[in-house]
């Protein structure tokens, strides 16, 4: 199941994705690009053993993901921007 976390959160539905899809990977759903921000695995107890039941991915649109990453870098002082953003005469 896919869930978009950009406010407001909404479900994108259930899709068959490669089994090794993890955080940071880009996926395309119905022509829209998304980046996986969180993977949640759900297990259930069957005959005394835990068995993987399903996965839920939280995603953000690709543009929003990179904007958030840039803003986080600005807040933490690690942004490396163009060279002409320095002092002006």
PDB file of N, CA and C in Angstrom:
ATOM      1  N   UNK A   1       0.847  -1.171   0.000  1.00  0.00           N
ATOM      2  CA  UNK A   1       0.000   0.000   0.000  1.00  0.00           C
ATOM      3  C   UNK A   1       0.891   1.231   0.000  1.00  0.00           C
ATOM      4  N   UNK A   2       0.542   2.204  -0.779  1.00  0.00           N
ATOM      5  CA  UNK A   2       1.286   3.458  -0.856  1.00  0.00           C
ATOM      6  C   UNK A   2       0.504   4.554  -0.163  1.00  0.00           C
ATOM      7  N   UNK A   3       1.242   5.393   0.593  1.00  0.00           N
ATOM      8  CA  UNK A   3       0.610   6.515   1.289  1.00  0.00           C
ATOM      9  C   UNK A   3       1.463   7.753   1.070  1.00  0.00           C
ATOM     10  N   UNK A   4       0.871   8.800   0.530  1.00  0.00           N
ATOM     11  CA  UNK A   4       1.584  10.056   0.322  1.00  0.00           C
ATOM     12  C   UNK A   4       1.531  10.841   1.625  1.00  0.00           C
ATOM     13  N   UNK A   5       2.721  11.255   2.136  1.00  0.00           N
ATOM     14  CA  UNK A   5       2.783  11.904   3.440  1.00  0.00           C
ATOM     15  C   UNK A   5       2.744  13.420   3.358  1.00  0.00           C
ATOM     16  N   UNK A   6       2.869  13.988   2.170  1.00  0.00           N
ATOM     17  CA  UNK A   6       2.796  15.432   2.030  1.00  0.00           C
ATOM     18  C   UNK A   6       1.407  15.883   2.461  1.00  0.00           C
ATOM     19  N   UNK A   7       1.330  16.913   3.321  1.00  0.00           N
ATOM     20  CA  UNK A   7       0.019  17.314   3.846  1.00  0.00           C
ATOM     21  C   UNK A   7      -0.959  17.649   2.739  1.00  0.00           C
ATOM     22  N   UNK A   8      -2.170  17.234   2.810  1.00  0.00           N
ATOM     23  CA  UNK A   8      -2.696  16.259   3.764  1.00  0.00           C
ATOM     24  C   UNK A   8      -2.339  14.841   3.318  1.00  0.00           C
ATOM     25  N   UNK A   9      -2.040  13.946   4.281  1.00  0.00           N
ATOM     26  CA  UNK A   9      -1.721  12.560   3.899  1.00  0.00           C
ATOM     27  C   UNK A   9      -2.902  11.909   3.189  1.00  0.00           C
ATOM     28  N   UNK A  10      -2.604  11.103   2.178  1.00  0.00           N
ATOM     29  CA  UNK A  10      -3.668  10.402   1.465  1.00  0.00           C
ATOM     30  C   UNK A  10      -3.148   9.086   0.917  1.00  0.00           C
ATOM     31  N   UNK A  11      -4.028   8.137   0.777  1.00  0.00           N
ATOM     32  CA  UNK A  11      -3.656   6.828   0.254  1.00  0.00           C
ATOM     33  C   UNK A  11      -3.624   6.880  -1.271  1.00  0.00           C
ATOM     34  N   UNK A  12      -2.596   6.300  -1.845  1.00  0.00           N
ATOM     35  CA  UNK A  12      -2.489   6.229  -3.301  1.00  0.00           C
ATOM     36  C   UNK A  12      -2.972   4.883  -3.825  1.00  0.00           C
ATOM     37  N   UNK A  13      -3.247   3.937  -2.925  1.00  0.00           N
ATOM     38  CA  UNK A  13      -3.759   2.632  -3.328  1.00  0.00           C
ATOM     39  C   UNK A  13      -2.743   1.528  -3.129  1.00  0.00           C
ATOM     40  N   UNK A  14      -3.079   0.367  -3.648  1.00  0.00           N
ATOM     41  CA  UNK A  14      -2.235  -0.819  -3.517  1.00  0.00           C
ATOM     42  C   UNK A  14      -1.622  -1.112  -4.883  1.00  0.00           C
ATOM     43  N   UNK A  15      -0.296  -1.275  -4.903  1.00  0.00           N
ATOM     44  CA  UNK A  15       0.429  -1.522  -6.147  1.00  0.00           C
ATOM     45  C   UNK A  15       1.440  -2.641  -5.934  1.00  0.00           C
ATOM     46  N   UNK A  16       1.727  -3.383  -6.992  1.00  0.00           N
ATOM     47  CA  UNK A  16       2.762  -4.409  -6.961  1.00  0.00           C
ATOM     48  C   UNK A  16       4.089  -3.738  -7.321  1.00  0.00           C
ATOM     49  N   UNK A  17       4.988  -3.666  -6.349  1.00  0.00           N
ATOM     50  CA  UNK A  17       6.303  -3.067  -6.554  1.00  0.00           C
ATOM     51  C   UNK A  17       7.373  -4.130  -6.350  1.00  0.00           C
ATOM     52  N   UNK A  18       8.601  -3.887  -6.826  1.00  0.00           N
ATOM     53  CA  UNK A  18       9.673  -4.848  -6.577  1.00  0.00           C
ATOM     54  C   UNK A  18       9.826  -5.085  -5.070  1.00  0.00           C
ATOM     55  N   UNK A  19      10.118  -6.326  -4.663  1.00  0.00           N
ATOM     56  CA  UNK A  19      10.166  -6.646  -3.228  1.00  0.00           C
ATOM     57  C   UNK A  19      11.265  -5.926  -2.451  1.00  0.00           C
ATOM     58  N   UNK A  20      12.285  -5.443  -3.097  1.00  0.00           N
ATOM     59  CA  UNK A  20      13.394  -4.791  -2.393  1.00  0.00           C
ATOM     60  C   UNK A  20      13.317  -3.265  -2.467  1.00  0.00           C
ATOM     61  N   UNK A  21      12.139  -2.699  -2.633  1.00  0.00           N
ATOM     62  CA  UNK A  21      11.963  -1.252  -2.672  1.00  0.00           C
ATOM     63  C   UNK A  21      12.176  -0.690  -1.270  1.00  0.00           C
ATOM     64  N   UNK A  22      13.094   0.286  -1.140  1.00  0.00           N
ATOM     65  CA  UNK A  22      13.445   0.833   0.177  1.00  0.00           C
ATOM     66  C   UNK A  22      13.505   2.354   0.144  1.00  0.00           C
ATOM     67  N   UNK A  23      13.863   2.939   1.284  1.00  0.00           N
ATOM     68  CA  UNK A  23      13.964   4.393   1.433  1.00  0.00           C
ATOM     69  C   UNK A  23      14.896   5.000   0.394  1.00  0.00           C
ATOM     70  N   UNK A  24      14.493   6.157  -0.118  1.00  0.00           N
ATOM     71  CA  UNK A  24      15.323   6.897  -1.062  1.00  0.00           C
ATOM     72  C   UNK A  24      15.151   6.481  -2.507  1.00  0.00           C
ATOM     73  N   UNK A  25      14.456   5.411  -2.776  1.00  0.00           N
ATOM     74  CA  UNK A  25      14.273   4.965  -4.155  1.00  0.00           C
ATOM     75  C   UNK A  25      13.166   5.757  -4.825  1.00  0.00           C
ATOM     76  N   UNK A  26      13.345   5.999  -6.106  1.00  0.00           N
ATOM     77  CA  UNK A  26      12.320   6.692  -6.883  1.00  0.00           C
ATOM     78  C   UNK A  26      11.435   5.650  -7.554  1.00  0.00           C
ATOM     79  N   UNK A  27      10.134   5.869  -7.457  1.00  0.00           N
ATOM     80  CA  UNK A  27       9.178   4.983  -8.109  1.00  0.00           C
ATOM     81  C   UNK A  27       8.219   5.837  -8.923  1.00  0.00           C
ATOM     82  N   UNK A  28       7.579   5.218  -9.898  1.00  0.00           N
ATOM     83  CA  UNK A  28       6.616   5.935 -10.730  1.00  0.00           C
ATOM     84  C   UNK A  28       5.264   5.234 -10.631  1.00  0.00           C
ATOM     85  N   UNK A  29       4.249   5.994 -10.254  1.00  0.00           N
ATOM     86  CA  UNK A  29       2.898   5.479 -10.123  1.00  0.00           C
ATOM     87  C   UNK A  29       1.981   6.344 -10.981  1.00  0.00           C
ATOM     88  N   UNK A  30       1.334   5.722 -11.954  1.00  0.00           N
ATOM     89  CA  UNK A  30       0.398   6.406 -12.854  1.00  0.00           C
ATOM     90  C   UNK A  30       0.991   7.678 -13.456  1.00  0.00           C
ATOM     91  N   UNK A  31       2.248   7.605 -13.897  1.00  0.00           N
ATOM     92  CA  UNK A  31       2.898   8.724 -14.557  1.00  0.00           C
ATOM     93  C   UNK A  31       3.481   9.775 -13.626  1.00  0.00           C
ATOM     94  N   UNK A  32       3.291   9.640 -12.320  1.00  0.00           N
ATOM     95  CA  UNK A  32       3.823  10.595 -11.344  1.00  0.00           C
ATOM     96  C   UNK A  32       5.044   9.979 -10.658  1.00  0.00           C
ATOM     97  N   UNK A  33       6.085  10.784 -10.445  1.00  0.00           N
ATOM     98  CA  UNK A  33       7.284  10.315  -9.772  1.00  0.00           C
ATOM     99  C   UNK A  33       7.202  10.555  -8.271  1.00  0.00           C
ATOM    100  N   UNK A  34       7.621   9.572  -7.484  1.00  0.00           N
ATOM    101  CA  UNK A  34       7.617   9.659  -6.031  1.00  0.00           C
ATOM    102  C   UNK A  34       8.933   9.129  -5.489  1.00  0.00           C
ATOM    103  N   UNK A  35       9.311   9.589  -4.292  1.00  0.00           N
ATOM    104  CA  UNK A  35      10.483   9.085  -3.591  1.00  0.00           C
ATOM    105  C   UNK A  35       9.999   8.435  -2.299  1.00  0.00           C
ATOM    106  N   UNK A  36      10.491   7.229  -2.032  1.00  0.00           N
ATOM    107  CA  UNK A  36      10.103   6.503  -0.820  1.00  0.00           C
ATOM    108  C   UNK A  36      10.793   7.144   0.376  1.00  0.00           C
ATOM    109  N   UNK A  37      10.021   7.590   1.365  1.00  0.00           N
ATOM    110  CA  UNK A  37      10.593   8.208   2.560  1.00  0.00           C
ATOM    111  C   UNK A  37      10.560   7.274   3.758  1.00  0.00           C
ATOM    112  N   UNK A  38       9.708   6.263   3.713  1.00  0.00           N
ATOM    113  CA  UNK A  38       9.625   5.336   4.843  1.00  0.00           C
ATOM    114  C   UNK A  38       9.030   4.021   4.378  1.00  0.00           C
ATOM    115  N   UNK A  39       9.573   2.926   4.901  1.00  0.00           N
ATOM    116  CA  UNK A  39       9.059   1.588   4.619  1.00  0.00           C
ATOM    117  C   UNK A  39       8.625   0.978   5.938  1.00  0.00           C
ATOM    118  N   UNK A  40       7.395   0.517   5.997  1.00  0.00           N
ATOM    119  CA  UNK A  40       6.869  -0.112   7.205  1.00  0.00           C
ATOM    120  C   UNK A  40       6.464  -1.539   6.872  1.00  0.00           C
ATOM    121  N   UNK A  41       7.083  -2.509   7.542  1.00  0.00           N
ATOM    122  CA  UNK A  41       6.767  -3.917   7.338  1.00  0.00           C
ATOM    123  C   UNK A  41       5.821  -4.369   8.437  1.00  0.00           C
ATOM    124  N   UNK A  42       4.822  -5.146   8.068  1.00  0.00           N
ATOM    125  CA  UNK A  42       3.860  -5.671   9.027  1.00  0.00           C
ATOM    126  C   UNK A  42       3.963  -7.191   9.046  1.00  0.00           C
ATOM    127  N   UNK A  43       4.055  -7.738  10.254  1.00  0.00           N
ATOM    128  CA  UNK A  43       4.147  -9.176  10.423  1.00  0.00           C
ATOM    129  C   UNK A  43       2.941  -9.674  11.202  1.00  0.00           C
ATOM    130  N   UNK A  44       2.599 -10.959  10.995  1.00  0.00           N
ATOM    131  CA  UNK A  44       1.542 -11.574  11.795  1.00  0.00           C
ATOM    132  C   UNK A  44       2.040 -12.919  12.303  1.00  0.00           C
ATOM    133  N   UNK A  45       1.488 -13.342  13.418  1.00  0.00           N
ATOM    134  CA  UNK A  45       1.885 -14.589  14.055  1.00  0.00           C
ATOM    135  C   UNK A  45       1.065 -15.732  13.473  1.00  0.00           C
ATOM    136  N   UNK A  46       1.755 -16.686  12.840  1.00  0.00           N
ATOM    137  CA  UNK A  46       1.104 -17.836  12.233  1.00  0.00           C
ATOM    138  C   UNK A  46       1.788 -19.092  12.751  1.00  0.00           C
ATOM    139  N   UNK A  47       1.048 -19.922  13.475  1.00  0.00           N
ATOM    140  CA  UNK A  47       1.564 -21.186  14.012  1.00  0.00           C
ATOM    141  C   UNK A  47       2.844 -20.986  14.809  1.00  0.00           C
ATOM    142  N   UNK A  48       2.864 -19.946  15.637  1.00  0.00           N
ATOM    143  CA  UNK A  48       4.015 -19.708  16.508  1.00  0.00           C
ATOM    144  C   UNK A  48       5.193 -19.012  15.848  1.00  0.00           C
ATOM    145  N   UNK A  49       5.065 -18.601  14.610  1.00  0.00           N
ATOM    146  CA  UNK A  49       6.150 -17.907  13.899  1.00  0.00           C
ATOM    147  C   UNK A  49       5.618 -16.616  13.297  1.00  0.00           C
ATOM    148  N   UNK A  50       6.482 -15.624  13.240  1.00  0.00           N
ATOM    149  CA  UNK A  50       6.103 -14.367  12.599  1.00  0.00           C
ATOM    150  C   UNK A  50       6.348 -14.466  11.099  1.00  0.00           C
ATOM    151  N   UNK A  51       5.324 -14.106  10.346  1.00  0.00           N
ATOM    152  CA  UNK A  51       5.375 -14.150   8.887  1.00  0.00           C
ATOM    153  C   UNK A  51       5.071 -12.751   8.373  1.00  0.00           C
ATOM    154  N   UNK A  52       5.855 -12.318   7.382  1.00  0.00           N
ATOM    155  CA  UNK A  52       5.631 -10.995   6.801  1.00  0.00           C
ATOM    156  C   UNK A  52       4.259 -10.948   6.150  1.00  0.00           C
ATOM    157  N   UNK A  53       3.462  -9.980   6.558  1.00  0.00           N
ATOM    158  CA  UNK A  53       2.101  -9.863   6.063  1.00  0.00           C
ATOM    159  C   UNK A  53       2.033  -8.924   4.853  1.00  0.00           C
ATOM    160  N   UNK A  54       2.493  -7.682   5.028  1.00  0.00           N
ATOM    161  CA  UNK A  54       2.510  -6.734   3.918  1.00  0.00           C
ATOM    162  C   UNK A  54       3.453  -5.575   4.236  1.00  0.00           C
ATOM    163  N   UNK A  55       3.690  -4.761   3.234  1.00  0.00           N
ATOM    164  CA  UNK A  55       4.546  -3.577   3.365  1.00  0.00           C
ATOM    165  C   UNK A  55       3.718  -2.337   3.087  1.00  0.00           C
ATOM    166  N   UNK A  56       4.081  -1.252   3.752  1.00  0.00           N
ATOM    167  CA  UNK A  56       3.454   0.035   3.465  1.00  0.00           C
ATOM    168  C   UNK A  56       4.573   1.038   3.223  1.00  0.00           C
ATOM    169  N   UNK A  57       4.478   1.724   2.114  1.00  0.00           N
ATOM    170  CA  UNK A  57       5.473   2.736   1.764  1.00  0.00           C
ATOM    171  C   UNK A  57       4.871   4.118   1.951  1.00  0.00           C
ATOM    172  N   UNK A  58       5.636   4.993   2.589  1.00  0.00           N
ATOM    173  CA  UNK A  58       5.249   6.400   2.643  1.00  0.00           C
ATOM    174  C   UNK A  58       6.113   7.120   1.632  1.00  0.00           C
ATOM    175  N   UNK A  59       5.477   7.907   0.779  1.00  0.00           N
ATOM    176  CA  UNK A  59       6.189   8.545  -0.331  1.00  0.00           C
ATOM    177  C   UNK A  59       5.895  10.038  -0.361  1.00  0.00           C
ATOM    178  N   UNK A  60       6.775  10.764  -1.045  1.00  0.00           N
ATOM    179  CA  UNK A  60       6.570  12.182  -1.334  1.00  0.00           C
ATOM    180  C   UNK A  60       6.782  12.373  -2.828  1.00  0.00           C
ATOM    181  N   UNK A  61       6.058  13.324  -3.424  1.00  0.00           N
ATOM    182  CA  UNK A  61       6.341  13.637  -4.831  1.00  0.00           C
ATOM    183  C   UNK A  61       7.815  14.025  -4.972  1.00  0.00           C
ATOM    184  N   UNK A  62       8.426  13.656  -6.082  1.00  0.00           N
ATOM    185  CA  UNK A  62       9.860  13.871  -6.270  1.00  0.00           C
ATOM    186  C   UNK A  62      10.262  15.322  -6.052  1.00  0.00           C
ATOM    187  N   UNK A  63       9.520  16.268  -6.625  1.00  0.00           N
ATOM    188  CA  UNK A  63       9.844  17.688  -6.461  1.00  0.00           C
ATOM    189  C   UNK A  63       9.795  18.124  -5.006  1.00  0.00           C
ATOM    190  N   UNK A  64       8.779  17.672  -4.287  1.00  0.00           N
ATOM    191  CA  UNK A  64       8.629  18.027  -2.876  1.00  0.00           C
ATOM    192  C   UNK A  64       9.759  17.428  -2.038  1.00  0.00           C
ATOM    193  N   UNK A  65      10.167  16.202  -2.368  1.00  0.00           N
ATOM    194  CA  UNK A  65      11.259  15.535  -1.645  1.00  0.00           C
ATOM    195  C   UNK A  65      12.547  16.344  -1.757  1.00  0.00           C
ATOM    196  N   UNK A  66      12.896  16.766  -2.971  1.00  0.00           N
ATOM    197  CA  UNK A  66      14.136  17.522  -3.156  1.00  0.00           C
ATOM    198  C   UNK A  66      14.041  18.918  -2.539  1.00  0.00           C
ATOM    199  N   UNK A  67      12.869  19.541  -2.573  1.00  0.00           N
ATOM    200  CA  UNK A  67      12.682  20.829  -1.916  1.00  0.00           C
ATOM    201  C   UNK A  67      12.886  20.683  -0.412  1.00  0.00           C
ATOM    202  N   UNK A  68      12.286  19.654   0.194  1.00  0.00           N
ATOM    203  CA  UNK A  68      12.471  19.420   1.628  1.00  0.00           C
ATOM    204  C   UNK A  68      13.932  19.150   1.976  1.00  0.00           C
ATOM    205  N   UNK A  69      14.634  18.400   1.118  1.00  0.00           N
ATOM    206  CA  UNK A  69      16.049  18.115   1.362  1.00  0.00           C
ATOM    207  C   UNK A  69      16.865  19.406   1.309  1.00  0.00           C
ATOM    208  N   UNK A  70      16.583  20.271   0.339  1.00  0.00           N
ATOM    209  CA  UNK A  70      17.297  21.543   0.224  1.00  0.00           C
ATOM    210  C   UNK A  70      17.023  22.424   1.445  1.00  0.00           C
ATOM    211  N   UNK A  71      15.772  22.494   1.883  1.00  0.00           N
ATOM    212  CA  UNK A  71      15.432  23.305   3.050  1.00  0.00           C
ATOM    213  C   UNK A  71      16.074  22.760   4.324  1.00  0.00           C
ATOM    214  N   UNK A  72      16.120  21.449   4.472  1.00  0.00           N
ATOM    215  CA  UNK A  72      16.809  20.844   5.622  1.00  0.00           C
ATOM    216  C   UNK A  72      18.289  21.200   5.610  1.00  0.00           C
ATOM    217  N   UNK A  73      18.905  21.172   4.433  1.00  0.00           N
ATOM    218  CA  UNK A  73      20.322  21.531   4.330  1.00  0.00           C
ATOM    219  C   UNK A  73      20.547  22.999   4.674  1.00  0.00           C
ATOM    220  N   UNK A  74      19.621  23.874   4.287  1.00  0.00           N
ATOM    221  CA  UNK A  74      19.744  25.291   4.633  1.00  0.00           C
ATOM    222  C   UNK A  74      19.664  25.492   6.149  1.00  0.00           C
ATOM    223  N   UNK A  75      18.752  24.786   6.783  1.00  0.00           N
ATOM    224  CA  UNK A  75      18.591  24.902   8.227  1.00  0.00           C
ATOM    225  C   UNK A  75      19.839  24.420   8.956  1.00  0.00           C
ATOM    226  N   UNK A  76      20.437  23.344   8.471  1.00  0.00           N
ATOM    227  CA  UNK A  76      21.615  22.775   9.124  1.00  0.00           C
ATOM    228  C   UNK A  76      22.923  23.410   8.643  1.00  0.00           C
ATOM    229  N   UNK A  77      22.847  24.358   7.728  1.00  0.00           N
ATOM    230  CA  UNK A  77      24.045  25.071   7.261  1.00  0.00           C
ATOM    231  C   UNK A  77      24.944  24.261   6.362  1.00  0.00           C
ATOM    232  N   UNK A  78      24.420  23.248   5.673  1.00  0.00           N
ATOM    233  CA  UNK A  78      25.245  22.429   4.799  1.00  0.00           C
ATOM    234  C   UNK A  78      24.922  22.642   3.328  1.00  0.00           C
ATOM    235  N   UNK A  79      24.137  23.664   3.008  1.00  0.00           N
ATOM    236  CA  UNK A  79      23.755  23.908   1.623  1.00  0.00           C
ATOM    237  C   UNK A  79      24.959  24.389   0.823  1.00  0.00           C
ATOM    238  N   UNK A  80      25.196  23.757  -0.288  1.00  0.00           N
ATOM    239  CA  UNK A  80      26.246  24.183  -1.201  1.00  0.00           C
ATOM    240  C   UNK A  80      25.549  24.606  -2.481  1.00  0.00           C
ATOM    241  N   UNK A  81      25.396  25.916  -2.642  1.00  0.00           N
ATOM    242  CA  UNK A  81      24.676  26.436  -3.792  1.00  0.00           C
ATOM    243  C   UNK A  81      25.622  26.951  -4.864  1.00  0.00           C
ATOM    244  N   UNK A  82      25.082  27.663  -5.840  1.00  0.00           N
ATOM    245  CA  UNK A  82      25.911  28.229  -6.912  1.00  0.00           C
ATOM    246  C   UNK A  82      26.954  29.188  -6.347  1.00  0.00           C
ATOM    247  N   UNK A  83      28.067  29.335  -7.062  1.00  0.00           N
ATOM    248  CA  UNK A  83      29.185  30.157  -6.595  1.00  0.00           C
ATOM    249  C   UNK A  83      28.820  31.641  -6.561  1.00  0.00           C
ATOM    250  N   UNK A  84      27.856  32.075  -7.380  1.00  0.00           N
ATOM    251  CA  UNK A  84      27.550  33.506  -7.440  1.00  0.00           C
ATOM    252  C   UNK A  84      26.587  33.956  -6.337  1.00  0.00           C
ATOM    253  N   UNK A  85      26.335  33.146  -5.330  1.00  0.00           N
ATOM    254  CA  UNK A  85      25.444  33.521  -4.236  1.00  0.00           C
ATOM    255  C   UNK A  85      26.211  34.193  -3.089  1.00  0.00           C
ATOM    256  N   UNK A  86      27.443  34.513  -3.300  1.00  0.00           N
ATOM    257  CA  UNK A  86      28.268  35.119  -2.251  1.00  0.00           C
ATOM    258  C   UNK A  86      28.025  36.603  -2.102  1.00  0.00           C
ATOM    259  N   UNK A  87      29.050  37.324  -1.715  1.00  0.00           N
ATOM    260  CA  UNK A  87      28.941  38.767  -1.455  1.00  0.00           C
ATOM    261  C   UNK A  87      28.728  39.524  -2.760  1.00  0.00           C
ATOM    262  N   UNK A  88      28.002  40.639  -2.629  1.00  0.00           N
ATOM    263  CA  UNK A  88      27.797  41.516  -3.777  1.00  0.00           C
ATOM    264  C   UNK A  88      28.535  42.820  -3.535  1.00  0.00           C
ATOM    265  N   UNK A  89      29.056  43.421  -4.606  1.00  0.00           N
ATOM    266  CA  UNK A  89      29.800  44.693  -4.477  1.00  0.00           C
ATOM    267  C   UNK A  89      28.885  45.870  -4.408  1.00  0.00           C
TER     268      UNK A  89
END
